[in-house]
Amino acid sequence: MKTNNIKNLTTNNTNEDTNKEDNKDSFVNIRDIRGNIIDQEESTNETNIIYKEECYKIYHCIYIVHNKLGNGFLESVYQEALEIEFRKDKIPFESQKMIRIYYDDKPLTQFFKADIVCYDKILLELKAVTKINNEHKAQLINYLTATKIKLGLLVNFGTHPKVEICRIVH
């Protein structure tokens, strides 16, 4: 089933048996913004997660920054620390990147300033709040729609004891 809804990927193993030999089938649940399953694709062993390797490297840097700084700082502090980690890991990125906005497939004169764009294809929206809410998710979805970028990571450094990352595929 194909759909035009905004998608948030999560993986769930459908086999209860922990035996690796019997545990070959897995499913990718595609959920809408409210968490309802809107599609389920079967895959074997490796799921087809968009920009998997790039995200692995980005997550690594996010966890390092959170482990060193904890929570309680402004977004700009986390952004600067992430920039340092991205440089160390040689992850291509642009901070405060001006991105053209499209309306009805026509470019607008206004631009959107993204917190960070990695690999020219992954938009990071940084937050330092107690909890990610639907407004934050809607903001990122709007950014993805307007900029035609396929993947966004909503990263919240304000949660305790661990960082909160919401992956949104558009």
C-alpha atoms as a PDB file:
ATOM      1  CA  MET A   1       0.000   0.000   0.000  1.00  0.00           C
ATOM      2  CA  LYS A   2       1.519   3.317  -1.053  1.00  0.00           C
ATOM      3  CA  THR A   3       0.503   6.534   0.597  1.00  0.00           C
ATOM      4  CA  ASN A   4       1.303  10.233   0.401  1.00  0.00           C
ATOM      5  CA  ASN A   5       1.090  10.714   4.182  1.00  0.00           C
ATOM      6  CA  ILE A   6       4.057  11.860   6.189  1.00  0.00           C
ATOM      7  CA  LYS A   7       5.953   8.805   7.330  1.00  0.00           C
ATOM      8  CA  ASN A   8       7.925   8.044  10.456  1.00  0.00           C
ATOM      9  CA  LEU A   9       9.848   4.771  10.248  1.00  0.00           C
ATOM     10  CA  THR A  10      10.099   2.357  13.125  1.00  0.00           C
ATOM     11  CA  THR A  11      11.251  -1.231  12.968  1.00  0.00           C
ATOM     12  CA  ASN A  12       9.548  -4.037  14.832  1.00  0.00           C
ATOM     13  CA  ASN A  13      10.675  -7.624  14.827  1.00  0.00           C
ATOM     14  CA  THR A  14       7.628  -9.823  14.320  1.00  0.00           C
ATOM     15  CA  ASN A  15       9.240 -13.093  15.359  1.00  0.00           C
ATOM     16  CA  GLU A  16       9.092 -13.751  19.103  1.00  0.00           C
ATOM     17  CA  ASP A  17      11.790 -16.445  18.900  1.00  0.00           C
ATOM     18  CA  THR A  18      15.232 -15.119  19.782  1.00  0.00           C
ATOM     19  CA  ASN A  19      16.960 -17.826  17.729  1.00  0.00           C
ATOM     20  CA  LYS A  20      18.818 -15.923  14.997  1.00  0.00           C
ATOM     21  CA  GLU A  21      18.300 -18.734  12.486  1.00  0.00           C
ATOM     22  CA  ASP A  22      14.512 -18.496  12.847  1.00  0.00           C
ATOM     23  CA  ASN A  23      14.542 -14.711  13.217  1.00  0.00           C
ATOM     24  CA  LYS A  24      14.985 -13.764   9.553  1.00  0.00           C
ATOM     25  CA  ASP A  25      11.705 -12.033   8.830  1.00  0.00           C
ATOM     26  CA  SER A  26      11.122  -8.518  10.073  1.00  0.00           C
ATOM     27  CA  PHE A  27       8.725  -5.756   9.193  1.00  0.00           C
ATOM     28  CA  VAL A  28       9.041  -2.027   8.786  1.00  0.00           C
ATOM     29  CA  ASN A  29       6.006  -0.233  10.145  1.00  0.00           C
ATOM     30  CA  ILE A  30       5.342   3.084   8.453  1.00  0.00           C
ATOM     31  CA  ARG A  31       3.395   5.348  10.759  1.00  0.00           C
ATOM     32  CA  ASP A  32       1.676   8.672  10.335  1.00  0.00           C
ATOM     33  CA  ILE A  33       2.446  11.592  12.651  1.00  0.00           C
ATOM     34  CA  ARG A  34      -0.062  10.305  15.230  1.00  0.00           C
ATOM     35  CA  GLY A  35       1.704   6.933  15.378  1.00  0.00           C
ATOM     36  CA  ASN A  36      -0.957   4.952  13.496  1.00  0.00           C
ATOM     37  CA  ILE A  37       0.425   2.233  11.234  1.00  0.00           C
ATOM     38  CA  ILE A  38      -0.370   3.224   7.641  1.00  0.00           C
ATOM     39  CA  ASP A  39       1.795   0.698   5.834  1.00  0.00           C
ATOM     40  CA  GLN A  40       3.857  -2.352   6.627  1.00  0.00           C
ATOM     41  CA  GLU A  41       6.630  -3.570   4.356  1.00  0.00           C
ATOM     42  CA  GLU A  42       8.230  -6.979   4.781  1.00  0.00           C
ATOM     43  CA  SER A  43      11.991  -7.199   4.513  1.00  0.00           C
ATOM     44  CA  THR A  44      14.685  -9.700   5.357  1.00  0.00           C
ATOM     45  CA  ASN A  45      17.414  -8.960   7.911  1.00  0.00           C
ATOM     46  CA  GLU A  46      18.350  -5.450   6.686  1.00  0.00           C
ATOM     47  CA  THR A  47      15.527  -2.936   6.469  1.00  0.00           C
ATOM     48  CA  ASN A  48      15.511  -0.285   3.779  1.00  0.00           C
ATOM     49  CA  ILE A  49      15.933   2.700   6.051  1.00  0.00           C
ATOM     50  CA  ILE A  50      16.647   5.897   4.172  1.00  0.00           C
ATOM     51  CA  TYR A  51      20.191   7.245   4.717  1.00  0.00           C
ATOM     52  CA  LYS A  52      20.923   4.559   7.293  1.00  0.00           C
ATOM     53  CA  GLU A  53      24.734   4.900   7.341  1.00  0.00           C
ATOM     54  CA  GLU A  54      24.650   8.698   7.385  1.00  0.00           C
ATOM     55  CA  CYS A  55      22.176   8.696  10.279  1.00  0.00           C
ATOM     56  CA  TYR A  56      24.298   6.232  12.221  1.00  0.00           C
ATOM     57  CA  LYS A  57      27.204   8.704  12.086  1.00  0.00           C
ATOM     58  CA  ILE A  58      24.979  11.660  12.985  1.00  0.00           C
ATOM     59  CA  TYR A  59      23.448   9.778  15.946  1.00  0.00           C
ATOM     60  CA  HIS A  60      26.944   8.961  17.183  1.00  0.00           C
ATOM     61  CA  CYS A  61      27.813  12.677  17.295  1.00  0.00           C
ATOM     62  CA  ILE A  62      24.497  13.550  18.955  1.00  0.00           C
ATOM     63  CA  TYR A  63      25.113  10.999  21.718  1.00  0.00           C
ATOM     64  CA  ILE A  64      28.659  12.253  22.296  1.00  0.00           C
ATOM     65  CA  VAL A  65      27.438  15.842  22.659  1.00  0.00           C
ATOM     66  CA  HIS A  66      24.652  14.820  25.032  1.00  0.00           C
ATOM     67  CA  ASN A  67      26.987  12.662  27.139  1.00  0.00           C
ATOM     68  CA  LYS A  68      29.433  15.551  27.521  1.00  0.00           C
ATOM     69  CA  LEU A  69      26.970  18.422  28.023  1.00  0.00           C
ATOM     70  CA  GLY A  70      23.868  16.757  29.453  1.00  0.00           C
ATOM     71  CA  ASN A  71      20.724  18.863  29.325  1.00  0.00           C
ATOM     72  CA  GLY A  72      19.969  22.415  30.377  1.00  0.00           C
ATOM     73  CA  PHE A  73      21.735  24.504  27.742  1.00  0.00           C
ATOM     74  CA  LEU A  74      20.284  26.561  24.912  1.00  0.00           C
ATOM     75  CA  GLU A  75      19.928  25.057  21.429  1.00  0.00           C
ATOM     76  CA  SER A  76      22.806  27.203  20.165  1.00  0.00           C
ATOM     77  CA  VAL A  77      25.222  25.535  22.604  1.00  0.00           C
ATOM     78  CA  TYR A  78      24.281  22.066  21.361  1.00  0.00           C
ATOM     79  CA  GLN A  79      24.501  23.245  17.759  1.00  0.00           C
ATOM     80  CA  GLU A  80      28.045  24.529  18.244  1.00  0.00           C
ATOM     81  CA  ALA A  81      29.085  21.316  20.009  1.00  0.00           C
ATOM     82  CA  LEU A  82      27.539  19.218  17.211  1.00  0.00           C
ATOM     83  CA  GLU A  83      29.488  21.215  14.640  1.00  0.00           C
ATOM     84  CA  ILE A  84      32.716  20.308  16.451  1.00  0.00           C
ATOM     85  CA  GLU A  85      31.803  16.603  16.486  1.00  0.00           C
ATOM     86  CA  PHE A  86      30.737  16.657  12.827  1.00  0.00           C
ATOM     87  CA  ARG A  87      34.115  18.152  11.879  1.00  0.00           C
ATOM     88  CA  LYS A  88      35.931  15.481  13.916  1.00  0.00           C
ATOM     89  CA  ASP A  89      33.975  12.717  12.158  1.00  0.00           C
ATOM     90  CA  LYS A  90      34.274  14.431   8.758  1.00  0.00           C
ATOM     91  CA  ILE A  91      30.502  14.627   8.342  1.00  0.00           C
ATOM     92  CA  PRO A  92      29.620  17.222   5.687  1.00  0.00           C
ATOM     93  CA  PHE A  93      27.227  19.793   7.137  1.00  0.00           C
ATOM     94  CA  GLU A  94      26.055  23.379   6.919  1.00  0.00           C
ATOM     95  CA  SER A  95      24.761  25.321   9.900  1.00  0.00           C
ATOM     96  CA  GLN A  96      22.066  27.946   9.579  1.00  0.00           C
ATOM     97  CA  LYS A  97      21.766  26.970   5.916  1.00  0.00           C
ATOM     98  CA  MET A  98      19.434  29.121   3.879  1.00  0.00           C
ATOM     99  CA  ILE A  99      17.100  26.762   1.999  1.00  0.00           C
ATOM    100  CA  ARG A 100      14.706  27.780  -0.729  1.00  0.00           C
ATOM    101  CA  ILE A 101      11.018  27.252   0.057  1.00  0.00           C
ATOM    102  CA  TYR A 102       8.607  25.944  -2.567  1.00  0.00           C
ATOM    103  CA  TYR A 103       4.890  26.537  -2.887  1.00  0.00           C
ATOM    104  CA  ASP A 104       2.950  24.625  -5.569  1.00  0.00           C
ATOM    105  CA  ASP A 105       6.332  23.589  -6.971  1.00  0.00           C
ATOM    106  CA  LYS A 106       7.265  27.260  -7.411  1.00  0.00           C
ATOM    107  CA  PRO A 107      10.221  28.752  -5.537  1.00  0.00           C
ATOM    108  CA  LEU A 108       9.364  31.573  -3.149  1.00  0.00           C
ATOM    109  CA  THR A 109      11.565  34.586  -2.528  1.00  0.00           C
ATOM    110  CA  GLN A 110      11.626  33.740   1.184  1.00  0.00           C
ATOM    111  CA  PHE A 111      14.149  31.257   2.539  1.00  0.00           C
ATOM    112  CA  PHE A 112      14.122  28.950   5.540  1.00  0.00           C
ATOM    113  CA  LYS A 113      17.166  28.890   7.810  1.00  0.00           C
ATOM    114  CA  ALA A 114      17.792  25.286   8.855  1.00  0.00           C
ATOM    115  CA  ASP A 115      19.600  24.578  12.124  1.00  0.00           C
ATOM    116  CA  ILE A 116      21.868  22.024  10.437  1.00  0.00           C
ATOM    117  CA  VAL A 117      21.783  20.156   7.125  1.00  0.00           C
ATOM    118  CA  CYS A 118      24.056  17.108   6.866  1.00  0.00           C
ATOM    119  CA  TYR A 119      25.116  15.433   3.636  1.00  0.00           C
ATOM    120  CA  ASP A 120      22.947  17.961   1.738  1.00  0.00           C
ATOM    121  CA  LYS A 121      19.969  15.686   2.408  1.00  0.00           C
ATOM    122  CA  ILE A 122      19.251  15.356   6.145  1.00  0.00           C
ATOM    123  CA  LEU A 123      17.701  18.286   8.019  1.00  0.00           C
ATOM    124  CA  LEU A 124      18.349  18.530  11.768  1.00  0.00           C
ATOM    125  CA  GLU A 125      15.994  20.628  13.857  1.00  0.00           C
ATOM    126  CA  LEU A 126      17.445  21.108  17.334  1.00  0.00           C
ATOM    127  CA  LYS A 127      15.393  21.625  20.477  1.00  0.00           C
ATOM    128  CA  ALA A 128      16.174  22.012  24.178  1.00  0.00           C
ATOM    129  CA  VAL A 129      12.726  21.482  25.691  1.00  0.00           C
ATOM    130  CA  THR A 130      11.362  19.088  28.310  1.00  0.00           C
ATOM    131  CA  LYS A 131       9.464  17.029  25.698  1.00  0.00           C
ATOM    132  CA  ILE A 132       8.967  16.974  21.926  1.00  0.00           C
ATOM    133  CA  ASN A 133       5.331  17.758  21.171  1.00  0.00           C
ATOM    134  CA  ASN A 134       3.172  17.610  18.046  1.00  0.00           C
ATOM    135  CA  GLU A 135       3.874  21.263  17.237  1.00  0.00           C
ATOM    136  CA  HIS A 136       7.600  20.520  17.012  1.00  0.00           C
ATOM    137  CA  LYS A 137       6.910  17.558  14.727  1.00  0.00           C
ATOM    138  CA  ALA A 138       4.561  19.637  12.583  1.00  0.00           C
ATOM    139  CA  GLN A 139       7.236  22.330  12.302  1.00  0.00           C
ATOM    140  CA  LEU A 140       9.763  19.803  10.975  1.00  0.00           C
ATOM    141  CA  ILE A 141       7.197  18.294   8.599  1.00  0.00           C
ATOM    142  CA  ASN A 142       6.471  21.771   7.220  1.00  0.00           C
ATOM    143  CA  TYR A 143      10.196  22.370   6.739  1.00  0.00           C
ATOM    144  CA  LEU A 144      10.586  19.058   4.905  1.00  0.00           C
ATOM    145  CA  THR A 145       7.578  19.772   2.698  1.00  0.00           C
ATOM    146  CA  ALA A 146       8.658  23.317   1.858  1.00  0.00           C
ATOM    147  CA  THR A 147      12.295  22.435   1.176  1.00  0.00           C
ATOM    148  CA  LYS A 148      11.744  19.070  -0.578  1.00  0.00           C
ATOM    149  CA  ILE A 149      14.221  17.369   1.761  1.00  0.00           C
ATOM    150  CA  LYS A 150      13.222  13.745   2.415  1.00  0.00           C
ATOM    151  CA  LEU A 151      14.551  13.141   5.944  1.00  0.00           C
ATOM    152  CA  GLY A 152      14.428  15.224   9.084  1.00  0.00           C
ATOM    153  CA  LEU A 153      15.764  14.537  12.559  1.00  0.00           C
ATOM    154  CA  LEU A 154      14.103  16.363  15.415  1.00  0.00           C
ATOM    155  CA  VAL A 155      16.739  16.303  18.155  1.00  0.00           C
ATOM    156  CA  ASN A 156      15.791  17.303  21.693  1.00  0.00           C
ATOM    157  CA  PHE A 157      18.674  17.799  24.115  1.00  0.00           C
ATOM    158  CA  GLY A 158      16.355  19.004  26.883  1.00  0.00           C
ATOM    159  CA  THR A 159      15.163  15.597  28.056  1.00  0.00           C
ATOM    160  CA  HIS A 160      16.663  13.779  31.015  1.00  0.00           C
ATOM    161  CA  PRO A 161      18.395  11.345  31.238  1.00  0.00           C
ATOM    162  CA  LYS A 162      18.813  10.830  27.480  1.00  0.00           C
ATOM    163  CA  VAL A 163      18.528  12.769  24.247  1.00  0.00           C
ATOM    164  CA  GLU A 164      15.274  12.366  22.287  1.00  0.00           C
ATOM    165  CA  ILE A 165      15.467  11.890  18.510  1.00  0.00           C
ATOM    166  CA  CYS A 166      12.410  11.799  16.271  1.00  0.00           C
ATOM    167  CA  ARG A 167      13.108  10.628  12.704  1.00  0.00           C
ATOM    168  CA  ILE A 168      10.610  11.874  10.138  1.00  0.00           C
ATOM    169  CA  VAL A 169      10.637  10.668   6.545  1.00  0.00           C
ATOM    170  CA  HIS A 170       8.712  12.741   4.039  1.00  0.00           C
END
